[in-house]
């Protein structure tokens, strides 16, 4: 991996961390408890509860993604950065730019 490619990935990580942090703030607001004394109908309350569950799942996913992004950013200057943590092969730069939190190459990600 060239220094230029590492710089691109570093900037992508920083940008994605910022975006994910903003997403987490929005989702935290959307997952606030629904007051039982709110004047909404039964169906609307059921929709609100369902939406809250969906937003809570999104919040958990975003927090996990943020942790992975921060870990990747902290490791970017290490010698083995950009290598698959499963097979050791180099992860394609395009994949790292698309999913900067990724620690697996495409082949290993497909295997699950």
Protein backbone atom coordinates (compact mmCIF):
# COMPACT_ATOMS: atom_id res chain seq x y z
CA UNK A 1 0.00 0.00 0.00
CA UNK A 2 1.43 3.36 -1.00
CA UNK A 3 1.64 6.41 1.26
CA UNK A 4 -0.91 8.18 -0.95
CA UNK A 5 -3.36 5.29 -0.60
CA UNK A 6 -2.86 5.29 3.18
CA UNK A 7 -3.58 9.03 3.26
CA UNK A 8 -6.78 8.46 1.28
CA UNK A 9 -7.86 5.73 3.68
CA UNK A 10 -6.96 7.87 6.70
CA UNK A 11 -9.14 10.72 5.39
CA UNK A 12 -11.97 8.30 4.60
CA UNK A 13 -11.75 6.92 8.16
CA UNK A 14 -11.87 10.43 9.66
CA UNK A 15 -14.82 11.43 7.48
CA UNK A 16 -16.72 8.21 8.19
CA UNK A 17 -16.08 8.51 11.95
CA UNK A 18 -17.51 12.03 11.88
CA UNK A 19 -20.55 10.92 9.89
CA UNK A 20 -21.13 7.91 12.17
CA UNK A 21 -20.89 10.03 15.31
CA UNK A 22 -23.57 12.38 13.92
CA UNK A 23 -25.70 9.36 13.02
CA UNK A 24 -25.40 8.04 16.59
CA UNK A 25 -26.57 11.38 18.02
CA UNK A 26 -29.62 11.37 15.72
CA UNK A 27 -30.46 7.77 16.58
CA UNK A 28 -30.11 8.44 20.31
CA UNK A 29 -32.71 11.17 19.98
CA UNK A 30 -35.03 8.84 18.06
CA UNK A 31 -34.74 6.12 20.70
CA UNK A 32 -35.92 8.21 23.62
CA UNK A 33 -38.70 6.56 25.64
CA UNK A 34 -42.25 7.14 24.44
CA UNK A 35 -44.26 8.84 27.14
CA UNK A 36 -47.35 6.78 28.02
CA UNK A 37 -49.42 9.93 28.52
CA UNK A 38 -48.78 11.21 24.97
CA UNK A 39 -52.01 11.91 23.14
CA UNK A 40 -51.47 9.52 20.24
CA UNK A 41 -53.75 6.75 19.12
CA UNK A 42 -53.22 3.05 19.70
CA UNK A 43 -52.01 2.37 16.14
CA UNK A 44 -49.72 5.41 16.19
CA UNK A 45 -48.27 4.23 19.51
CA UNK A 46 -47.61 0.77 18.00
CA UNK A 47 -45.88 2.41 15.03
CA UNK A 48 -43.81 4.57 17.39
CA UNK A 49 -42.76 1.51 19.40
CA UNK A 50 -41.85 -0.37 16.21
CA UNK A 51 -39.86 2.62 14.88
CA UNK A 52 -38.08 2.88 18.23
CA UNK A 53 -37.01 -0.78 17.96
CA UNK A 54 -35.70 -0.26 14.44
CA UNK A 55 -33.80 2.85 15.54
CA UNK A 56 -32.33 1.01 18.55
CA UNK A 57 -31.00 -1.70 16.22
CA UNK A 58 -29.52 1.00 13.99
CA UNK A 59 -27.94 2.65 17.02
CA UNK A 60 -26.26 -0.60 18.10
CA UNK A 61 -24.98 -1.16 14.56
CA UNK A 62 -23.63 2.40 14.33
CA UNK A 63 -21.86 2.12 17.69
CA UNK A 64 -20.19 -1.12 16.57
CA UNK A 65 -19.16 0.48 13.29
CA UNK A 66 -17.71 3.49 15.15
CA UNK A 67 -15.61 1.20 17.35
CA UNK A 68 -14.23 -0.60 14.28
CA UNK A 69 -13.49 2.70 12.52
CA UNK A 70 -11.65 4.08 15.53
CA UNK A 71 -9.66 0.85 15.86
CA UNK A 72 -8.71 1.01 12.17
CA UNK A 73 -7.64 4.64 12.49
CA UNK A 74 -5.48 3.83 15.51
CA UNK A 75 -3.78 1.01 13.56
CA UNK A 76 -3.25 2.81 10.25
CA UNK A 77 0.46 3.39 10.82
CA UNK A 78 1.16 -0.21 11.83
CA UNK A 79 3.07 -2.39 9.39
CA UNK A 80 0.28 -4.97 9.01
CA UNK A 81 -2.48 -2.40 8.40
CA UNK A 82 -4.41 -3.29 5.26
CA UNK A 83 -3.86 -7.02 5.66
CA UNK A 84 -6.72 -9.41 6.23
CA UNK A 85 -6.90 -10.43 9.88
CA UNK A 86 -8.07 -13.87 8.79
CA UNK A 87 -5.80 -14.97 5.92
CA UNK A 88 -3.07 -12.30 5.96
CA UNK A 89 -3.51 -11.27 2.33
CA UNK A 90 -3.56 -7.59 1.43
CA UNK A 91 -7.04 -6.05 1.41
CA UNK A 92 -7.77 -4.19 -1.83
CA UNK A 93 -7.56 -0.41 -1.50
CA UNK A 94 -10.97 -0.06 -3.16
CA UNK A 95 -12.53 -2.18 -0.42
CA UNK A 96 -10.76 -0.17 2.29
CA UNK A 97 -12.08 3.06 0.77
CA UNK A 98 -15.60 1.62 0.50
CA UNK A 99 -15.62 -0.02 3.95
CA UNK A 100 -12.75 1.53 5.91
CA UNK A 101 -13.70 -0.42 9.04
CA UNK A 102 -13.17 -3.73 7.23
CA UNK A 103 -10.51 -6.05 8.59
CA UNK A 104 -11.18 -8.92 6.18
CA UNK A 105 -10.47 -9.27 2.48
CA UNK A 106 -13.38 -9.92 0.12
CA UNK A 107 -12.72 -13.69 -0.05
CA UNK A 108 -12.75 -14.09 3.74
CA UNK A 109 -15.78 -11.81 4.12
CA UNK A 110 -17.70 -14.03 1.69
CA UNK A 111 -16.83 -17.11 3.72
CA UNK A 112 -18.19 -15.39 6.80
